[in-house]
Amino acid sequence: MSTLLTRRKFLAGSSVGMAAFALTGCDLPGGSESYRRIIKMAESLTQGTQRLFLSDKALAREFTEADMSPVFKANGTKHPDGEAYARLLETNFSDWRLVVDGMVNKPLSLSLAELKQLPSRTQITRHDCVEGWSAIGKWTGVPLGLLLQTAGLAPDARYAVLHCADKYEKTLDDSGRYYESIDLVDAFHPQTILAYGMNGGTLPVEHGAPLRLRVERHLGYKHAKYLMRIEIVDSFAHLGRGHGGFWEDRGYEWYAGI
């Protein structure tokens, strides 16, 4: 096994372990701030270790079609509730548009057809879930970095926030809306794509149609589904509970690199 893969295996184990630890401590009475400081220190160590060992462009392992899993589990939301998504689905997403805005020079609003006309990338990769399961699938989509280059980033831009169509009815903060974020290093990684295809066909609803993020050097909860908007920001402190994502606001690590 190569040094690269050995390091990736080590980092994956470390990240899963810390995420599992996070879940056990979300409701520690009277110790939430101390707990979050401990988790933040561990998260910074994980991020620093990965960025030290792996270059910004180091690729996650890619597989062949013979390696693809016969069943790829759909996790989390499998069909967003509400009339808005139902209408989009009825028209086969012909009226859906992806908005790219925030700290950009040229905001974008792109239809699914327009996205499919852009240069694409197809990759067969392993999806590692924080729950302990994994599956290998084939994804096709447009590189996120290409869209961000087209939009043009402001000098102080730091993060890409992904706003999604799915909403949870009962949440700790009553906001409900799912969101996720990654930094620009991961946003411009060559394997970070906005996928509209899976296993040689159209992306299924249960896997995030019409568009989902694939950020292959991260655990599965970072791969946001049902994308509606990408907002470029210098901070995510004003979103949700300020931790950078729906599950991060509930105890998961923001940096889930493997």
C-alpha atoms as a PDB file:
ATOM      1  CA  MET A   1       0.000   0.000   0.000  1.00  0.00           C
ATOM      2  CA  SER A   2       1.335   3.450  -0.895  1.00  0.00           C
ATOM      3  CA  THR A   3       2.292   6.031   1.716  1.00  0.00           C
ATOM      4  CA  LEU A   4      -0.535   8.231   0.418  1.00  0.00           C
ATOM      5  CA  LEU A   5      -3.183   5.569   0.982  1.00  0.00           C
ATOM      6  CA  THR A   6      -1.764   4.680   4.400  1.00  0.00           C
ATOM      7  CA  ARG A   7      -2.053   8.290   5.468  1.00  0.00           C
ATOM      8  CA  ARG A   8      -5.566   8.552   4.062  1.00  0.00           C
ATOM      9  CA  LYS A   9      -6.589   5.439   6.020  1.00  0.00           C
ATOM     10  CA  PHE A  10      -5.135   6.911   9.199  1.00  0.00           C
ATOM     11  CA  LEU A  11      -6.911  10.221   8.675  1.00  0.00           C
ATOM     12  CA  ALA A  12     -10.200   8.501   7.877  1.00  0.00           C
ATOM     13  CA  GLY A  13     -10.042   6.554  11.113  1.00  0.00           C
ATOM     14  CA  SER A  14      -9.203   9.661  13.082  1.00  0.00           C
ATOM     15  CA  SER A  15     -12.065  11.644  11.554  1.00  0.00           C
ATOM     16  CA  VAL A  16     -14.642   8.912  12.122  1.00  0.00           C
ATOM     17  CA  GLY A  17     -13.484   8.535  15.696  1.00  0.00           C
ATOM     18  CA  MET A  18     -13.772  12.238  16.444  1.00  0.00           C
ATOM     19  CA  ALA A  19     -17.182  12.495  14.770  1.00  0.00           C
ATOM     20  CA  ALA A  20     -18.452   9.569  16.813  1.00  0.00           C
ATOM     21  CA  PHE A  21     -17.054  11.229  19.952  1.00  0.00           C
ATOM     22  CA  ALA A  22     -18.888  14.395  18.941  1.00  0.00           C
ATOM     23  CA  LEU A  23     -22.198  12.585  18.831  1.00  0.00           C
ATOM     24  CA  THR A  24     -21.741  11.252  22.356  1.00  0.00           C
ATOM     25  CA  GLY A  25     -21.084  14.727  23.745  1.00  0.00           C
ATOM     26  CA  CYS A  26     -23.636  16.962  22.098  1.00  0.00           C
ATOM     27  CA  ASP A  27     -25.811  17.165  25.191  1.00  0.00           C
ATOM     28  CA  LEU A  28     -23.213  17.255  27.952  1.00  0.00           C
ATOM     29  CA  PRO A  29     -24.869  19.298  30.733  1.00  0.00           C
ATOM     30  CA  GLY A  30     -23.103  22.534  31.571  1.00  0.00           C
ATOM     31  CA  GLY A  31     -20.043  21.641  29.508  1.00  0.00           C
ATOM     32  CA  SER A  32     -20.998  22.539  25.968  1.00  0.00           C
ATOM     33  CA  GLU A  33     -18.472  25.361  25.549  1.00  0.00           C
ATOM     34  CA  SER A  34     -15.596  23.334  26.986  1.00  0.00           C
ATOM     35  CA  TYR A  35     -16.640  20.398  24.847  1.00  0.00           C
ATOM     36  CA  ARG A  36     -16.744  22.489  21.691  1.00  0.00           C
ATOM     37  CA  ARG A  37     -13.267  23.868  22.411  1.00  0.00           C
ATOM     38  CA  ILE A  38     -11.924  20.317  22.703  1.00  0.00           C
ATOM     39  CA  ILE A  39     -13.622  19.279  19.461  1.00  0.00           C
ATOM     40  CA  LYS A  40     -12.342  22.414  17.709  1.00  0.00           C
ATOM     41  CA  MET A  41      -8.779  21.615  18.749  1.00  0.00           C
ATOM     42  CA  ALA A  42      -9.111  18.055  17.451  1.00  0.00           C
ATOM     43  CA  GLU A  43     -10.708  19.299  14.227  1.00  0.00           C
ATOM     44  CA  SER A  44      -7.855  21.772  13.651  1.00  0.00           C
ATOM     45  CA  LEU A  45      -5.369  18.962  14.196  1.00  0.00           C
ATOM     46  CA  THR A  46      -7.150  16.753  11.648  1.00  0.00           C
ATOM     47  CA  GLN A  47      -7.267  19.555   9.077  1.00  0.00           C
ATOM     48  CA  GLY A  48      -3.664  20.570   9.690  1.00  0.00           C
ATOM     49  CA  THR A  49      -2.457  16.968   9.447  1.00  0.00           C
ATOM     50  CA  GLN A  50      -4.252  16.340   6.164  1.00  0.00           C
ATOM     51  CA  ARG A  51      -3.105  19.595   4.618  1.00  0.00           C
ATOM     52  CA  LEU A  52       0.467  18.832   5.774  1.00  0.00           C
ATOM     53  CA  PHE A  53       0.593  15.286   4.396  1.00  0.00           C
ATOM     54  CA  LEU A  54      -1.469  15.804   1.247  1.00  0.00           C
ATOM     55  CA  SER A  55      -1.115  18.548  -1.326  1.00  0.00           C
ATOM     56  CA  ASP A  56      -4.142  20.679  -2.164  1.00  0.00           C
ATOM     57  CA  LYS A  57      -4.555  18.702  -5.402  1.00  0.00           C
ATOM     58  CA  ALA A  58      -3.878  15.184  -4.060  1.00  0.00           C
ATOM     59  CA  LEU A  59      -6.663  12.926  -5.319  1.00  0.00           C
ATOM     60  CA  ALA A  60      -8.892  10.562  -3.428  1.00  0.00           C
ATOM     61  CA  ARG A  61      -8.570   7.026  -4.735  1.00  0.00           C
ATOM     62  CA  GLU A  62     -10.591   6.292  -7.871  1.00  0.00           C
ATOM     63  CA  PHE A  63     -11.903   2.869  -8.804  1.00  0.00           C
ATOM     64  CA  THR A  64     -13.098   0.953 -11.867  1.00  0.00           C
ATOM     65  CA  GLU A  65     -16.649   0.080 -12.846  1.00  0.00           C
ATOM     66  CA  ALA A  66     -15.964  -3.474 -11.665  1.00  0.00           C
ATOM     67  CA  ASP A  67     -15.545  -2.089  -8.144  1.00  0.00           C
ATOM     68  CA  MET A  68     -18.887  -0.293  -8.038  1.00  0.00           C
ATOM     69  CA  SER A  69     -21.220  -1.319  -5.212  1.00  0.00           C
ATOM     70  CA  PRO A  70     -24.341  -3.255  -6.290  1.00  0.00           C
ATOM     71  CA  VAL A  71     -26.318  -1.217  -3.751  1.00  0.00           C
ATOM     72  CA  PHE A  72     -25.522   2.377  -2.816  1.00  0.00           C
ATOM     73  CA  LYS A  73     -27.456   3.310   0.298  1.00  0.00           C
ATOM     74  CA  ALA A  74     -29.403   6.570   0.241  1.00  0.00           C
ATOM     75  CA  ASN A  75     -28.904   8.397   3.515  1.00  0.00           C
ATOM     76  CA  GLY A  76     -30.499  11.409   5.170  1.00  0.00           C
ATOM     77  CA  THR A  77     -33.366  13.058   3.280  1.00  0.00           C
ATOM     78  CA  LYS A  78     -34.612  10.852   0.447  1.00  0.00           C
ATOM     79  CA  HIS A  79     -37.295  13.211  -0.887  1.00  0.00           C
ATOM     80  CA  PRO A  80     -37.620  16.850   0.229  1.00  0.00           C
ATOM     81  CA  ASP A  81     -41.045  17.806   1.528  1.00  0.00           C
ATOM     82  CA  GLY A  82     -42.996  20.808   0.301  1.00  0.00           C
ATOM     83  CA  GLU A  83     -44.759  22.068  -2.793  1.00  0.00           C
ATOM     84  CA  ALA A  84     -41.738  23.910  -4.191  1.00  0.00           C
ATOM     85  CA  TYR A  85     -39.657  20.752  -4.667  1.00  0.00           C
ATOM     86  CA  ALA A  86     -42.701  18.781  -5.837  1.00  0.00           C
ATOM     87  CA  ARG A  87     -43.274  21.328  -8.621  1.00  0.00           C
ATOM     88  CA  LEU A  88     -39.632  21.108  -9.697  1.00  0.00           C
ATOM     89  CA  LEU A  89     -39.841  17.337  -9.811  1.00  0.00           C
ATOM     90  CA  GLU A  90     -43.068  17.403 -11.848  1.00  0.00           C
ATOM     91  CA  THR A  91     -41.330  19.421 -14.586  1.00  0.00           C
ATOM     92  CA  ASN A  92     -38.191  17.260 -14.465  1.00  0.00           C
ATOM     93  CA  PHE A  93     -36.365  20.259 -12.968  1.00  0.00           C
ATOM     94  CA  SER A  94     -36.794  22.360 -16.109  1.00  0.00           C
ATOM     95  CA  ASP A  95     -37.596  25.401 -13.933  1.00  0.00           C
ATOM     96  CA  TRP A  96     -34.821  24.733 -11.390  1.00  0.00           C
ATOM     97  CA  ARG A  97     -31.825  27.040 -11.324  1.00  0.00           C
ATOM     98  CA  LEU A  98     -28.590  27.020  -9.359  1.00  0.00           C
ATOM     99  CA  VAL A  99     -27.692  30.447  -7.985  1.00  0.00           C
ATOM    100  CA  VAL A 100     -24.057  31.356  -7.271  1.00  0.00           C
ATOM    101  CA  ASP A 101     -23.823  34.639  -5.378  1.00  0.00           C
ATOM    102  CA  GLY A 102     -22.382  36.341  -2.332  1.00  0.00           C
ATOM    103  CA  MET A 103     -18.808  37.587  -2.576  1.00  0.00           C
ATOM    104  CA  VAL A 104     -18.536  37.196  -6.348  1.00  0.00           C
ATOM    105  CA  ASN A 105     -18.001  39.653  -9.177  1.00  0.00           C
ATOM    106  CA  LYS A 106     -20.584  38.078 -11.467  1.00  0.00           C
ATOM    107  CA  PRO A 107     -23.526  36.258  -9.830  1.00  0.00           C
ATOM    108  CA  LEU A 108     -24.712  33.224 -11.766  1.00  0.00           C
ATOM    109  CA  SER A 109     -28.107  31.616 -12.288  1.00  0.00           C
ATOM    110  CA  LEU A 110     -27.829  28.391 -14.260  1.00  0.00           C
ATOM    111  CA  SER A 111     -30.403  25.863 -15.399  1.00  0.00           C
ATOM    112  CA  LEU A 112     -29.715  22.144 -15.268  1.00  0.00           C
ATOM    113  CA  ALA A 113     -29.425  22.092 -19.056  1.00  0.00           C
ATOM    114  CA  GLU A 114     -26.846  24.883 -18.947  1.00  0.00           C
ATOM    115  CA  LEU A 115     -24.816  23.044 -16.318  1.00  0.00           C
ATOM    116  CA  LYS A 116     -24.786  19.920 -18.463  1.00  0.00           C
ATOM    117  CA  GLN A 117     -23.339  21.913 -21.361  1.00  0.00           C
ATOM    118  CA  LEU A 118     -20.271  22.863 -19.318  1.00  0.00           C
ATOM    119  CA  PRO A 119     -17.084  20.775 -19.145  1.00  0.00           C
ATOM    120  CA  SER A 120     -17.712  17.779 -16.895  1.00  0.00           C
ATOM    121  CA  ARG A 121     -15.793  15.233 -14.883  1.00  0.00           C
ATOM    122  CA  THR A 122     -16.699  11.595 -14.206  1.00  0.00           C
ATOM    123  CA  GLN A 123     -15.149   9.782 -11.248  1.00  0.00           C
ATOM    124  CA  ILE A 124     -15.677   6.476  -9.466  1.00  0.00           C
ATOM    125  CA  THR A 125     -15.037   6.991  -5.779  1.00  0.00           C
ATOM    126  CA  ARG A 126     -15.833   5.591  -2.363  1.00  0.00           C
ATOM    127  CA  HIS A 127     -18.386   7.314  -0.178  1.00  0.00           C
ATOM    128  CA  ASP A 128     -17.497   6.939   3.521  1.00  0.00           C
ATOM    129  CA  CYS A 129     -20.335   7.614   5.956  1.00  0.00           C
ATOM    130  CA  VAL A 130     -19.753   8.721   9.534  1.00  0.00           C
ATOM    131  CA  GLU A 131     -22.157   5.918  10.532  1.00  0.00           C
ATOM    132  CA  GLY A 132     -19.522   3.370   9.484  1.00  0.00           C
ATOM    133  CA  TRP A 133     -20.665   2.146   6.063  1.00  0.00           C
ATOM    134  CA  SER A 134     -19.172   2.856   2.646  1.00  0.00           C
ATOM    135  CA  ALA A 135     -20.094   2.372  -1.013  1.00  0.00           C
ATOM    136  CA  ILE A 136     -18.432   2.951  -4.369  1.00  0.00           C
ATOM    137  CA  GLY A 137     -20.320   4.899  -7.016  1.00  0.00           C
ATOM    138  CA  LYS A 138     -19.801   6.692 -10.307  1.00  0.00           C
ATOM    139  CA  TRP A 139     -20.485  10.427 -10.403  1.00  0.00           C
ATOM    140  CA  THR A 140     -20.660  12.900 -13.271  1.00  0.00           C
ATOM    141  CA  GLY A 141     -20.859  16.658 -12.888  1.00  0.00           C
ATOM    142  CA  VAL A 142     -19.331  20.065 -13.387  1.00  0.00           C
ATOM    143  CA  PRO A 143     -16.256  21.018 -11.339  1.00  0.00           C
ATOM    144  CA  LEU A 144     -17.245  23.520  -8.659  1.00  0.00           C
ATOM    145  CA  GLY A 145     -14.012  25.426  -9.248  1.00  0.00           C
ATOM    146  CA  LEU A 146     -15.062  26.126 -12.832  1.00  0.00           C
ATOM    147  CA  LEU A 147     -18.243  27.886 -11.671  1.00  0.00           C
ATOM    148  CA  LEU A 148     -16.345  29.883  -9.062  1.00  0.00           C
ATOM    149  CA  GLN A 149     -13.785  30.972 -11.649  1.00  0.00           C
ATOM    150  CA  THR A 150     -16.627  32.085 -13.911  1.00  0.00           C
ATOM    151  CA  ALA A 151     -18.299  34.025 -11.115  1.00  0.00           C
ATOM    152  CA  GLY A 152     -15.029  35.587  -9.959  1.00  0.00           C
ATOM    153  CA  LEU A 153     -14.261  35.707  -6.243  1.00  0.00           C
ATOM    154  CA  ALA A 154     -13.776  38.747  -4.055  1.00  0.00           C
ATOM    155  CA  PRO A 155     -10.312  38.967  -2.419  1.00  0.00           C
ATOM    156  CA  ASP A 156     -11.687  38.199   1.071  1.00  0.00           C
ATOM    157  CA  ALA A 157     -13.777  35.180   0.036  1.00  0.00           C
ATOM    158  CA  ARG A 158     -13.035  32.092   2.146  1.00  0.00           C
ATOM    159  CA  TYR A 159     -15.928  29.626   2.036  1.00  0.00           C
ATOM    160  CA  ALA A 160     -18.564  28.202  -0.276  1.00  0.00           C
ATOM    161  CA  VAL A 161     -21.880  27.717   1.543  1.00  0.00           C
ATOM    162  CA  LEU A 162     -24.274  25.229  -0.057  1.00  0.00           C
ATOM    163  CA  HIS A 163     -27.962  25.923   0.537  1.00  0.00           C
ATOM    164  CA  CYS A 164     -30.272  22.979  -0.068  1.00  0.00           C
ATOM    165  CA  ALA A 165     -33.939  22.272  -0.764  1.00  0.00           C
ATOM    166  CA  ASP A 166     -34.479  19.792   2.047  1.00  0.00           C
ATOM    167  CA  LYS A 167     -35.831  20.948   5.382  1.00  0.00           C
ATOM    168  CA  TYR A 168     -36.155  19.112   8.660  1.00  0.00           C
ATOM    169  CA  GLU A 169     -39.462  19.646  10.455  1.00  0.00           C
ATOM    170  CA  LYS A 170     -38.100  19.400  14.008  1.00  0.00           C
ATOM    171  CA  THR A 171     -34.710  20.944  14.713  1.00  0.00           C
ATOM    172  CA  LEU A 172     -32.914  22.346  17.709  1.00  0.00           C
ATOM    173  CA  ASP A 173     -32.993  25.915  16.414  1.00  0.00           C
ATOM    174  CA  ASP A 174     -36.278  25.688  14.435  1.00  0.00           C
ATOM    175  CA  SER A 175     -34.562  26.870  11.238  1.00  0.00           C
ATOM    176  CA  GLY A 176     -34.849  23.470   9.612  1.00  0.00           C
ATOM    177  CA  ARG A 177     -33.118  24.345   6.357  1.00  0.00           C
ATOM    178  CA  TYR A 178     -30.182  22.134   5.433  1.00  0.00           C
ATOM    179  CA  TYR A 179     -26.898  23.785   4.559  1.00  0.00           C
ATOM    180  CA  GLU A 180     -23.214  22.869   4.404  1.00  0.00           C
ATOM    181  CA  SER A 181     -19.922  24.668   3.742  1.00  0.00           C
ATOM    182  CA  ILE A 182     -16.385  23.973   2.552  1.00  0.00           C
ATOM    183  CA  ASP A 183     -13.343  26.190   2.237  1.00  0.00           C
ATOM    184  CA  LEU A 184     -11.957  27.315  -1.090  1.00  0.00           C
ATOM    185  CA  VAL A 185      -9.101  24.797  -1.010  1.00  0.00           C
ATOM    186  CA  ASP A 186     -11.672  22.001  -1.174  1.00  0.00           C
ATOM    187  CA  ALA A 187     -13.970  23.966  -3.486  1.00  0.00           C
ATOM    188  CA  PHE A 188     -11.226  24.160  -6.127  1.00  0.00           C
ATOM    189  CA  HIS A 189     -10.045  20.577  -5.681  1.00  0.00           C
ATOM    190  CA  PRO A 190     -10.264  18.744  -9.050  1.00  0.00           C
ATOM    191  CA  GLN A 191     -12.524  16.026  -7.620  1.00  0.00           C
ATOM    192  CA  THR A 192     -14.994  18.477  -6.067  1.00  0.00           C
ATOM    193  CA  ILE A 193     -17.902  18.415  -8.485  1.00  0.00           C
ATOM    194  CA  LEU A 194     -21.570  19.308  -8.601  1.00  0.00           C
ATOM    195  CA  ALA A 195     -22.971  15.948  -9.666  1.00  0.00           C
ATOM    196  CA  TYR A 196     -26.071  15.579 -11.841  1.00  0.00           C
ATOM    197  CA  GLY A 197     -25.326  11.980 -12.854  1.00  0.00           C
ATOM    198  CA  MET A 198     -24.859   8.766 -10.881  1.00  0.00           C
ATOM    199  CA  ASN A 199     -23.779   5.316 -12.069  1.00  0.00           C
ATOM    200  CA  GLY A 200     -24.215   6.246 -15.715  1.00  0.00           C
ATOM    201  CA  GLY A 201     -27.733   7.654 -15.350  1.00  0.00           C
ATOM    202  CA  THR A 202     -29.519  10.722 -14.040  1.00  0.00           C
ATOM    203  CA  LEU A 203     -28.966  11.487 -10.365  1.00  0.00           C
ATOM    204  CA  PRO A 204     -31.885   9.841  -8.487  1.00  0.00           C
ATOM    205  CA  VAL A 205     -34.102  11.849  -6.170  1.00  0.00           C
ATOM    206  CA  GLU A 206     -33.016   9.867  -3.115  1.00  0.00           C
ATOM    207  CA  HIS A 207     -29.398  10.770  -3.881  1.00  0.00           C
ATOM    208  CA  GLY A 208     -30.016  14.496  -4.237  1.00  0.00           C
ATOM    209  CA  ALA A 209     -31.551  15.338  -7.625  1.00  0.00           C
ATOM    210  CA  PRO A 210     -31.126  17.510  -9.475  1.00  0.00           C
ATOM    211  CA  LEU A 211     -27.672  18.383  -8.120  1.00  0.00           C
ATOM    212  CA  ARG A 212     -25.454  17.372  -5.211  1.00  0.00           C
ATOM    213  CA  LEU A 213     -21.963  18.107  -4.017  1.00  0.00           C
ATOM    214  CA  ARG A 214     -19.231  15.498  -4.269  1.00  0.00           C
ATOM    215  CA  VAL A 215     -16.226  16.540  -2.175  1.00  0.00           C
ATOM    216  CA  GLU A 216     -14.308  13.298  -2.272  1.00  0.00           C
ATOM    217  CA  ARG A 217     -11.741  13.936   0.452  1.00  0.00           C
ATOM    218  CA  HIS A 218     -14.477  14.324   3.085  1.00  0.00           C
ATOM    219  CA  LEU A 219     -16.918  12.121   4.968  1.00  0.00           C
ATOM    220  CA  GLY A 220     -20.406  11.706   3.548  1.00  0.00           C
ATOM    221  CA  TYR A 221     -22.270  14.332   5.567  1.00  0.00           C
ATOM    222  CA  LYS A 222     -20.322  17.058   3.748  1.00  0.00           C
ATOM    223  CA  HIS A 223     -21.738  15.922   0.362  1.00  0.00           C
ATOM    224  CA  ALA A 224     -24.803  18.173   0.397  1.00  0.00           C
ATOM    225  CA  LYS A 225     -27.818  17.092  -1.686  1.00  0.00           C
ATOM    226  CA  TYR A 226     -30.670  18.992  -3.403  1.00  0.00           C
ATOM    227  CA  LEU A 227     -28.530  22.059  -4.125  1.00  0.00           C
ATOM    228  CA  MET A 228     -30.289  25.358  -4.754  1.00  0.00           C
ATOM    229  CA  ARG A 229     -27.716  28.042  -4.065  1.00  0.00           C
ATOM    230  CA  ILE A 230     -23.979  28.446  -3.509  1.00  0.00           C
ATOM    231  CA  GLU A 231     -23.138  31.510  -1.452  1.00  0.00           C
ATOM    232  CA  ILE A 232     -19.538  32.709  -1.249  1.00  0.00           C
ATOM    233  CA  VAL A 233     -18.725  34.222   2.150  1.00  0.00           C
ATOM    234  CA  ASP A 234     -15.810  35.307   4.319  1.00  0.00           C
ATOM    235  CA  SER A 235     -17.415  33.779   7.425  1.00  0.00           C
ATOM    236  CA  PHE A 236     -20.304  31.424   8.228  1.00  0.00           C
ATOM    237  CA  ALA A 237     -20.798  32.793  11.753  1.00  0.00           C
ATOM    238  CA  HIS A 238     -24.117  34.384  10.726  1.00  0.00           C
ATOM    239  CA  LEU A 239     -25.599  31.125   9.410  1.00  0.00           C
ATOM    240  CA  GLY A 240     -27.495  28.688  11.612  1.00  0.00           C
ATOM    241  CA  ARG A 241     -25.655  28.365  14.885  1.00  0.00           C
ATOM    242  CA  GLY A 242     -22.457  29.582  13.303  1.00  0.00           C
ATOM    243  CA  HIS A 243     -20.619  26.261  12.941  1.00  0.00           C
ATOM    244  CA  GLY A 244     -20.782  25.951   9.160  1.00  0.00           C
ATOM    245  CA  GLY A 245     -23.401  23.295   8.537  1.00  0.00           C
ATOM    246  CA  PHE A 246     -26.671  21.709   9.627  1.00  0.00           C
ATOM    247  CA  TRP A 247     -25.008  18.769  11.370  1.00  0.00           C
ATOM    248  CA  GLU A 248     -22.050  20.839  12.520  1.00  0.00           C
ATOM    249  CA  ASP A 249     -24.534  23.023  14.401  1.00  0.00           C
ATOM    250  CA  ARG A 250     -25.554  19.825  16.192  1.00  0.00           C
ATOM    251  CA  GLY A 251     -22.126  18.543  17.209  1.00  0.00           C
ATOM    252  CA  TYR A 252     -20.372  17.190  14.101  1.00  0.00           C
ATOM    253  CA  GLU A 253     -16.928  18.462  13.126  1.00  0.00           C
ATOM    254  CA  TRP A 254     -16.862  21.104  10.398  1.00  0.00           C
ATOM    255  CA  TYR A 255     -13.721  19.633   8.845  1.00  0.00           C
ATOM    256  CA  ALA A 256     -14.433  16.003   7.953  1.00  0.00           C
ATOM    257  CA  GLY A 257     -11.403  15.279   5.797  1.00  0.00           C
ATOM    258  CA  ILE A 258     -10.265  11.713   5.117  1.00  0.00           C
END
